[in-house]
Amino acid sequence: MTQEPSSKPKREESQSALAVEMILSDANRPMTTFEVTRIFHEIGCPDSPSRLLNQLRLEGKIHGKLSIKRKTWLWWAPTVPEPTDV
């Protein structure tokens, strides 16, 4: 019995989503896209989290907001207070 090619990307995306959620939860503070990407690659995830971060934000699993002051997106876990110096 062979696996469908689409089953592997879904599994990897799910693991990647969990990795992003864990990174933000462990940080216990808002993080920039660059910071999340750096840690994401340090732990060996092959995907780029940029699209995934927005997808998770739209699903309500994480929070994100464009910071004009820092000129980047900030991302944080639901348990972390929203940054006020955005």
PDB file of N, CA and C in Angstrom:
ATOM      1  N   MET A   1       0.851  -1.186   0.000  1.00  0.00           N
ATOM      2  CA  MET A   1       0.000   0.000   0.000  1.00  0.00           C
ATOM      3  C   MET A   1       0.892   1.244   0.000  1.00  0.00           C
ATOM      4  N   THR A   2       0.620   2.174  -0.876  1.00  0.00           N
ATOM      5  CA  THR A   2       1.435   3.386  -0.973  1.00  0.00           C
ATOM      6  C   THR A   2       0.728   4.559  -0.327  1.00  0.00           C
ATOM      7  N   GLN A   3       1.549   5.494   0.176  1.00  0.00           N
ATOM      8  CA  GLN A   3       0.985   6.693   0.770  1.00  0.00           C
ATOM      9  C   GLN A   3       0.794   7.744  -0.304  1.00  0.00           C
ATOM     10  N   GLU A   4      -0.208   8.566  -0.117  1.00  0.00           N
ATOM     11  CA  GLU A   4      -0.432   9.670  -1.027  1.00  0.00           C
ATOM     12  C   GLU A   4       0.633  10.734  -0.780  1.00  0.00           C
ATOM     13  N   PRO A   5       1.136  11.381  -1.827  1.00  0.00           N
ATOM     14  CA  PRO A   5       2.150  12.417  -1.643  1.00  0.00           C
ATOM     15  C   PRO A   5       1.700  13.563  -0.744  1.00  0.00           C
ATOM     16  N   SER A   6       0.404  13.861  -0.716  1.00  0.00           N
ATOM     17  CA  SER A   6      -0.076  14.986   0.076  1.00  0.00           C
ATOM     18  C   SER A   6      -0.087  14.689   1.568  1.00  0.00           C
ATOM     19  N   SER A   7       0.026  13.426   1.989  1.00  0.00           N
ATOM     20  CA  SER A   7      -0.033  13.114   3.408  1.00  0.00           C
ATOM     21  C   SER A   7       1.215  13.582   4.142  1.00  0.00           C
ATOM     22  N   LYS A   8       2.373  13.556   3.502  1.00  0.00           N
ATOM     23  CA  LYS A   8       3.605  13.980   4.163  1.00  0.00           C
ATOM     24  C   LYS A   8       3.630  15.484   4.434  1.00  0.00           C
ATOM     25  N   PRO A   9       3.325  16.366   3.464  1.00  0.00           N
ATOM     26  CA  PRO A   9       3.322  17.792   3.762  1.00  0.00           C
ATOM     27  C   PRO A   9       2.361  18.177   4.874  1.00  0.00           C
ATOM     28  N   LYS A  10       1.188  17.554   4.933  1.00  0.00           N
ATOM     29  CA  LYS A  10       0.252  17.870   6.005  1.00  0.00           C
ATOM     30  C   LYS A  10       0.849  17.519   7.357  1.00  0.00           C
ATOM     31  N   ARG A  11       1.519  16.375   7.456  1.00  0.00           N
ATOM     32  CA  ARG A  11       2.136  15.942   8.701  1.00  0.00           C
ATOM     33  C   ARG A  11       3.245  16.912   9.095  1.00  0.00           C
ATOM     34  N   GLU A  12       4.090  17.294   8.129  1.00  0.00           N
ATOM     35  CA  GLU A  12       5.175  18.231   8.406  1.00  0.00           C
ATOM     36  C   GLU A  12       4.624  19.589   8.816  1.00  0.00           C
ATOM     37  N   GLU A  13       3.575  20.034   8.156  1.00  0.00           N
ATOM     38  CA  GLU A  13       2.989  21.321   8.497  1.00  0.00           C
ATOM     39  C   GLU A  13       2.446  21.289   9.915  1.00  0.00           C
ATOM     40  N   SER A  14       1.855  20.183  10.312  1.00  0.00           N
ATOM     41  CA  SER A  14       1.334  20.047  11.653  1.00  0.00           C
ATOM     42  C   SER A  14       2.472  20.100  12.672  1.00  0.00           C
ATOM     43  N   GLN A  15       3.570  19.411  12.391  1.00  0.00           N
ATOM     44  CA  GLN A  15       4.730  19.449  13.281  1.00  0.00           C
ATOM     45  C   GLN A  15       5.330  20.842  13.304  1.00  0.00           C
ATOM     46  N   SER A  16       5.360  21.500  12.174  1.00  0.00           N
ATOM     47  CA  SER A  16       5.879  22.862  12.095  1.00  0.00           C
ATOM     48  C   SER A  16       4.997  23.816  12.896  1.00  0.00           C
ATOM     49  N   ALA A  17       3.697  23.642  12.799  1.00  0.00           N
ATOM     50  CA  ALA A  17       2.772  24.493  13.556  1.00  0.00           C
ATOM     51  C   ALA A  17       2.994  24.309  15.051  1.00  0.00           C
ATOM     52  N   LEU A  18       3.163  23.071  15.475  1.00  0.00           N
ATOM     53  CA  LEU A  18       3.441  22.812  16.887  1.00  0.00           C
ATOM     54  C   LEU A  18       4.764  23.440  17.308  1.00  0.00           C
ATOM     55  N   ALA A  19       5.754  23.382  16.426  1.00  0.00           N
ATOM     56  CA  ALA A  19       7.060  23.984  16.731  1.00  0.00           C
ATOM     57  C   ALA A  19       6.918  25.490  16.931  1.00  0.00           C
ATOM     58  N   VAL A  20       6.177  26.155  16.053  1.00  0.00           N
ATOM     59  CA  VAL A  20       5.978  27.598  16.181  1.00  0.00           C
ATOM     60  C   VAL A  20       5.266  27.917  17.494  1.00  0.00           C
ATOM     61  N   GLU A  21       4.221  27.169  17.792  1.00  0.00           N
ATOM     62  CA  GLU A  21       3.479  27.407  19.035  1.00  0.00           C
ATOM     63  C   GLU A  21       4.364  27.200  20.258  1.00  0.00           C
ATOM     64  N   MET A  22       5.207  26.193  20.233  1.00  0.00           N
ATOM     65  CA  MET A  22       6.112  25.931  21.355  1.00  0.00           C
ATOM     66  C   MET A  22       7.163  27.029  21.485  1.00  0.00           C
ATOM     67  N   ILE A  23       7.699  27.493  20.365  1.00  0.00           N
ATOM     68  CA  ILE A  23       8.693  28.570  20.394  1.00  0.00           C
ATOM     69  C   ILE A  23       8.104  29.810  21.059  1.00  0.00           C
ATOM     70  N   LEU A  24       6.901  30.186  20.654  1.00  0.00           N
ATOM     71  CA  LEU A  24       6.281  31.384  21.211  1.00  0.00           C
ATOM     72  C   LEU A  24       5.886  31.196  22.672  1.00  0.00           C
ATOM     73  N   SER A  25       5.426  30.012  23.028  1.00  0.00           N
ATOM     74  CA  SER A  25       5.062  29.746  24.424  1.00  0.00           C
ATOM     75  C   SER A  25       6.294  29.767  25.318  1.00  0.00           C
ATOM     76  N   ASP A  26       7.370  29.142  24.858  1.00  0.00           N
ATOM     77  CA  ASP A  26       8.596  29.101  25.655  1.00  0.00           C
ATOM     78  C   ASP A  26       9.233  30.473  25.810  1.00  0.00           C
ATOM     79  N   ALA A  27       9.098  31.324  24.798  1.00  0.00           N
ATOM     80  CA  ALA A  27       9.695  32.657  24.846  1.00  0.00           C
ATOM     81  C   ALA A  27       9.018  33.529  25.905  1.00  0.00           C
ATOM     82  N   ASN A  28       7.730  33.335  26.088  1.00  0.00           N
ATOM     83  CA  ASN A  28       6.951  34.083  27.076  1.00  0.00           C
ATOM     84  C   ASN A  28       7.043  35.601  26.860  1.00  0.00           C
ATOM     85  N   ARG A  29       7.211  35.988  25.590  1.00  0.00           N
ATOM     86  CA  ARG A  29       7.259  37.399  25.205  1.00  0.00           C
ATOM     87  C   ARG A  29       6.977  37.480  23.716  1.00  0.00           C
ATOM     88  N   PRO A  30       6.599  38.637  23.223  1.00  0.00           N
ATOM     89  CA  PRO A  30       6.432  38.783  21.769  1.00  0.00           C
ATOM     90  C   PRO A  30       7.783  38.632  21.070  1.00  0.00           C
ATOM     91  N   MET A  31       7.767  38.003  19.908  1.00  0.00           N
ATOM     92  CA  MET A  31       8.984  37.785  19.130  1.00  0.00           C
ATOM     93  C   MET A  31       8.781  38.310  17.716  1.00  0.00           C
ATOM     94  N   THR A  32       9.865  38.756  17.091  1.00  0.00           N
ATOM     95  CA  THR A  32       9.804  39.201  15.704  1.00  0.00           C
ATOM     96  C   THR A  32       9.795  37.986  14.784  1.00  0.00           C
ATOM     97  N   THR A  33       9.410  38.206  13.539  1.00  0.00           N
ATOM     98  CA  THR A  33       9.440  37.137  12.548  1.00  0.00           C
ATOM     99  C   THR A  33      10.858  36.591  12.411  1.00  0.00           C
ATOM    100  N   PHE A  34      11.847  37.482  12.412  1.00  0.00           N
ATOM    101  CA  PHE A  34      13.238  37.061  12.299  1.00  0.00           C
ATOM    102  C   PHE A  34      13.642  36.150  13.453  1.00  0.00           C
ATOM    103  N   GLU A  35      13.267  36.509  14.678  1.00  0.00           N
ATOM    104  CA  GLU A  35      13.612  35.683  15.843  1.00  0.00           C
ATOM    105  C   GLU A  35      12.984  34.299  15.749  1.00  0.00           C
ATOM    106  N   VAL A  36      11.717  34.252  15.366  1.00  0.00           N
ATOM    107  CA  VAL A  36      11.033  32.963  15.235  1.00  0.00           C
ATOM    108  C   VAL A  36      11.697  32.127  14.145  1.00  0.00           C
ATOM    109  N   THR A  37      12.010  32.748  13.018  1.00  0.00           N
ATOM    110  CA  THR A  37      12.643  32.035  11.908  1.00  0.00           C
ATOM    111  C   THR A  37      13.995  31.476  12.314  1.00  0.00           C
ATOM    112  N   ARG A  38      14.786  32.268  13.028  1.00  0.00           N
ATOM    113  CA  ARG A  38      16.113  31.824  13.462  1.00  0.00           C
ATOM    114  C   ARG A  38      16.007  30.587  14.360  1.00  0.00           C
ATOM    115  N   ILE A  39      15.131  30.636  15.348  1.00  0.00           N
ATOM    116  CA  ILE A  39      14.958  29.496  16.254  1.00  0.00           C
ATOM    117  C   ILE A  39      14.372  28.311  15.506  1.00  0.00           C
ATOM    118  N   PHE A  40      13.455  28.573  14.616  1.00  0.00           N
ATOM    119  CA  PHE A  40      12.827  27.526  13.811  1.00  0.00           C
ATOM    120  C   PHE A  40      13.886  26.713  13.067  1.00  0.00           C
ATOM    121  N   HIS A  41      14.860  27.401  12.480  1.00  0.00           N
ATOM    122  CA  HIS A  41      15.918  26.717  11.746  1.00  0.00           C
ATOM    123  C   HIS A  41      16.948  26.070  12.680  1.00  0.00           C
ATOM    124  N   GLU A  42      17.174  26.662  13.844  1.00  0.00           N
ATOM    125  CA  GLU A  42      18.100  26.078  14.818  1.00  0.00           C
ATOM    126  C   GLU A  42      17.624  24.710  15.293  1.00  0.00           C
ATOM    127  N   ILE A  43      16.310  24.542  15.381  1.00  0.00           N
ATOM    128  CA  ILE A  43      15.793  23.255  15.843  1.00  0.00           C
ATOM    129  C   ILE A  43      15.609  22.267  14.695  1.00  0.00           C
ATOM    130  N   GLY A  44      15.972  22.700  13.490  1.00  0.00           N
ATOM    131  CA  GLY A  44      15.990  21.780  12.358  1.00  0.00           C
ATOM    132  C   GLY A  44      14.726  21.684  11.540  1.00  0.00           C
ATOM    133  N   CYS A  45      13.822  22.631  11.671  1.00  0.00           N
ATOM    134  CA  CYS A  45      12.618  22.622  10.843  1.00  0.00           C
ATOM    135  C   CYS A  45      12.979  23.178   9.466  1.00  0.00           C
ATOM    136  N   PRO A  46      12.684  22.443   8.401  1.00  0.00           N
ATOM    137  CA  PRO A  46      13.079  22.876   7.064  1.00  0.00           C
ATOM    138  C   PRO A  46      12.187  23.970   6.471  1.00  0.00           C
ATOM    139  N   ASP A  47      11.019  24.169   7.035  1.00  0.00           N
ATOM    140  CA  ASP A  47      10.066  25.126   6.473  1.00  0.00           C
ATOM    141  C   ASP A  47      10.382  26.554   6.905  1.00  0.00           C
ATOM    142  N   SER A  48       9.873  27.497   6.136  1.00  0.00           N
ATOM    143  CA  SER A  48       9.935  28.902   6.513  1.00  0.00           C
ATOM    144  C   SER A  48       8.647  29.228   7.268  1.00  0.00           C
ATOM    145  N   PRO A  49       8.747  29.768   8.454  1.00  0.00           N
ATOM    146  CA  PRO A  49       7.529  29.973   9.248  1.00  0.00           C
ATOM    147  C   PRO A  49       6.706  31.206   8.887  1.00  0.00           C
ATOM    148  N   SER A  50       7.165  32.042   7.978  1.00  0.00           N
ATOM    149  CA  SER A  50       6.449  33.292   7.690  1.00  0.00           C
ATOM    150  C   SER A  50       4.979  33.072   7.343  1.00  0.00           C
ATOM    151  N   ARG A  51       4.713  32.216   6.384  1.00  0.00           N
ATOM    152  CA  ARG A  51       3.324  31.937   5.992  1.00  0.00           C
ATOM    153  C   ARG A  51       2.578  31.220   7.119  1.00  0.00           C
ATOM    154  N   LEU A  52       3.282  30.321   7.785  1.00  0.00           N
ATOM    155  CA  LEU A  52       2.676  29.551   8.863  1.00  0.00           C
ATOM    156  C   LEU A  52       2.272  30.442  10.036  1.00  0.00           C
ATOM    157  N   LEU A  53       3.088  31.447  10.346  1.00  0.00           N
ATOM    158  CA  LEU A  53       2.749  32.368  11.427  1.00  0.00           C
ATOM    159  C   LEU A  53       1.416  33.055  11.146  1.00  0.00           C
ATOM    160  N   ASN A  54       1.243  33.544   9.941  1.00  0.00           N
ATOM    161  CA  ASN A  54      -0.011  34.214   9.600  1.00  0.00           C
ATOM    162  C   ASN A  54      -1.181  33.233   9.610  1.00  0.00           C
ATOM    163  N   GLN A  55      -0.961  32.037   9.126  1.00  0.00           N
ATOM    164  CA  GLN A  55      -2.022  31.029   9.129  1.00  0.00           C
ATOM    165  C   GLN A  55      -2.458  30.720  10.564  1.00  0.00           C
ATOM    166  N   LEU A  56      -1.501  30.543  11.455  1.00  0.00           N
ATOM    167  CA  LEU A  56      -1.823  30.255  12.861  1.00  0.00           C
ATOM    168  C   LEU A  56      -2.528  31.440  13.516  1.00  0.00           C
ATOM    169  N   ARG A  57      -2.144  32.652  13.125  1.00  0.00           N
ATOM    170  CA  ARG A  57      -2.807  33.853  13.645  1.00  0.00           C
ATOM    171  C   ARG A  57      -4.266  33.885  13.199  1.00  0.00           C
ATOM    172  N   LEU A  58      -4.507  33.594  11.927  1.00  0.00           N
ATOM    173  CA  LEU A  58      -5.874  33.581  11.408  1.00  0.00           C
ATOM    174  C   LEU A  58      -6.723  32.498  12.061  1.00  0.00           C
ATOM    175  N   GLU A  59      -6.098  31.396  12.454  1.00  0.00           N
ATOM    176  CA  GLU A  59      -6.814  30.312  13.132  1.00  0.00           C
ATOM    177  C   GLU A  59      -7.004  30.597  14.621  1.00  0.00           C
ATOM    178  N   GLY A  60      -6.390  31.675  15.132  1.00  0.00           N
ATOM    179  CA  GLY A  60      -6.530  32.038  16.536  1.00  0.00           C
ATOM    180  C   GLY A  60      -5.610  31.278  17.477  1.00  0.00           C
ATOM    181  N   LYS A  61      -4.634  30.557  16.937  1.00  0.00           N
ATOM    182  CA  LYS A  61      -3.729  29.763  17.775  1.00  0.00           C
ATOM    183  C   LYS A  61      -2.589  30.594  18.352  1.00  0.00           C
ATOM    184  N   ILE A  62      -2.229  31.674  17.659  1.00  0.00           N
ATOM    185  CA  ILE A  62      -1.235  32.610  18.148  1.00  0.00           C
ATOM    186  C   ILE A  62      -1.742  34.013  17.830  1.00  0.00           C
ATOM    187  N   HIS A  63      -1.059  35.015  18.384  1.00  0.00           N
ATOM    188  CA  HIS A  63      -1.419  36.396  18.101  1.00  0.00           C
ATOM    189  C   HIS A  63      -0.281  37.055  17.345  1.00  0.00           C
ATOM    190  N   GLY A  64      -0.621  38.025  16.517  1.00  0.00           N
ATOM    191  CA  GLY A  64       0.383  38.751  15.761  1.00  0.00           C
ATOM    192  C   GLY A  64      -0.103  40.139  15.436  1.00  0.00           C
ATOM    193  N   LYS A  65       0.867  41.056  15.336  1.00  0.00           N
ATOM    194  CA  LYS A  65       0.522  42.443  15.052  1.00  0.00           C
ATOM    195  C   LYS A  65       1.709  43.115  14.385  1.00  0.00           C
ATOM    196  N   LEU A  66       1.427  43.949  13.407  1.00  0.00           N
ATOM    197  CA  LEU A  66       2.476  44.691  12.731  1.00  0.00           C
ATOM    198  C   LEU A  66       2.956  45.809  13.652  1.00  0.00           C
ATOM    199  N   SER A  67       4.259  45.855  13.879  1.00  0.00           N
ATOM    200  CA  SER A  67       4.855  46.902  14.692  1.00  0.00           C
ATOM    201  C   SER A  67       5.478  47.938  13.767  1.00  0.00           C
ATOM    202  N   ILE A  68       4.858  49.103  13.712  1.00  0.00           N
ATOM    203  CA  ILE A  68       5.396  50.193  12.896  1.00  0.00           C
ATOM    204  C   ILE A  68       6.722  50.654  13.499  1.00  0.00           C
ATOM    205  N   LYS A  69       6.780  50.706  14.806  1.00  0.00           N
ATOM    206  CA  LYS A  69       7.983  51.156  15.508  1.00  0.00           C
ATOM    207  C   LYS A  69       9.191  50.267  15.196  1.00  0.00           C
ATOM    208  N   ARG A  70       8.978  48.953  15.190  1.00  0.00           N
ATOM    209  CA  ARG A  70      10.077  48.006  14.947  1.00  0.00           C
ATOM    210  C   ARG A  70      10.171  47.573  13.488  1.00  0.00           C
ATOM    211  N   LYS A  71       9.203  47.981  12.682  1.00  0.00           N
ATOM    212  CA  LYS A  71       9.158  47.667  11.248  1.00  0.00           C
ATOM    213  C   LYS A  71       9.176  46.165  10.971  1.00  0.00           C
ATOM    214  N   THR A  72       8.397  45.446  11.729  1.00  0.00           N
ATOM    215  CA  THR A  72       8.275  43.997  11.570  1.00  0.00           C
ATOM    216  C   THR A  72       6.996  43.529  12.265  1.00  0.00           C
ATOM    217  N   TRP A  73       6.648  42.297  11.999  1.00  0.00           N
ATOM    218  CA  TRP A  73       5.534  41.686  12.723  1.00  0.00           C
ATOM    219  C   TRP A  73       6.045  41.168  14.053  1.00  0.00           C
ATOM    220  N   LEU A  74       5.195  41.259  15.074  1.00  0.00           N
ATOM    221  CA  LEU A  74       5.459  40.655  16.369  1.00  0.00           C
ATOM    222  C   LEU A  74       4.457  39.534  16.570  1.00  0.00           C
ATOM    223  N   TRP A  75       4.934  38.432  17.125  1.00  0.00           N
ATOM    224  CA  TRP A  75       4.109  37.237  17.332  1.00  0.00           C
ATOM    225  C   TRP A  75       4.213  36.830  18.784  1.00  0.00           C
ATOM    226  N   TRP A  76       3.102  36.344  19.362  1.00  0.00           N
ATOM    227  CA  TRP A  76       3.138  35.900  20.747  1.00  0.00           C
ATOM    228  C   TRP A  76       2.069  34.850  20.985  1.00  0.00           C
ATOM    229  N   ALA A  77       2.290  34.078  22.029  1.00  0.00           N
ATOM    230  CA  ALA A  77       1.353  33.022  22.420  1.00  0.00           C
ATOM    231  C   ALA A  77       0.138  33.660  23.090  1.00  0.00           C
ATOM    232  N   PRO A  78      -0.994  32.974  23.081  1.00  0.00           N
ATOM    233  CA  PRO A  78      -2.204  33.517  23.712  1.00  0.00           C
ATOM    234  C   PRO A  78      -2.033  33.802  25.209  1.00  0.00           C
ATOM    235  N   THR A  79      -1.097  33.149  25.858  1.00  0.00           N
ATOM    236  CA  THR A  79      -0.876  33.348  27.288  1.00  0.00           C
ATOM    237  C   THR A  79      -0.018  34.573  27.594  1.00  0.00           C
ATOM    238  N   VAL A  80       0.533  35.194  26.560  1.00  0.00           N
ATOM    239  CA  VAL A  80       1.397  36.366  26.720  1.00  0.00           C
ATOM    240  C   VAL A  80       0.579  37.627  26.467  1.00  0.00           C
ATOM    241  N   PRO A  81       0.740  38.663  27.321  1.00  0.00           N
ATOM    242  CA  PRO A  81      -0.011  39.899  27.099  1.00  0.00           C
ATOM    243  C   PRO A  81       0.395  40.574  25.774  1.00  0.00           C
ATOM    244  N   GLU A  82      -0.554  41.252  25.164  1.00  0.00           N
ATOM    245  CA  GLU A  82      -0.292  41.967  23.918  1.00  0.00           C
ATOM    246  C   GLU A  82       0.711  43.086  24.172  1.00  0.00           C
ATOM    247  N   PRO A  83       1.688  43.231  23.288  1.00  0.00           N
ATOM    248  CA  PRO A  83       2.669  44.309  23.491  1.00  0.00           C
ATOM    249  C   PRO A  83       2.015  45.682  23.360  1.00  0.00           C
ATOM    250  N   THR A  84       2.420  46.615  24.205  1.00  0.00           N
ATOM    251  CA  THR A  84       1.833  47.946  24.175  1.00  0.00           C
ATOM    252  C   THR A  84       2.700  48.939  23.417  1.00  0.00           C
ATOM    253  N   ASP A  85       3.959  48.608  23.228  1.00  0.00           N
ATOM    254  CA  ASP A  85       4.896  49.524  22.556  1.00  0.00           C
ATOM    255  C   ASP A  85       5.045  49.192  21.082  1.00  0.00           C
ATOM    256  N   VAL A  86       3.936  48.892  20.428  1.00  0.00           N
ATOM    257  CA  VAL A  86       3.967  48.499  19.031  1.00  0.00           C
ATOM    258  C   VAL A  86       4.015  49.748  18.215  1.00  0.00           C
TER     259      VAL A  86
END
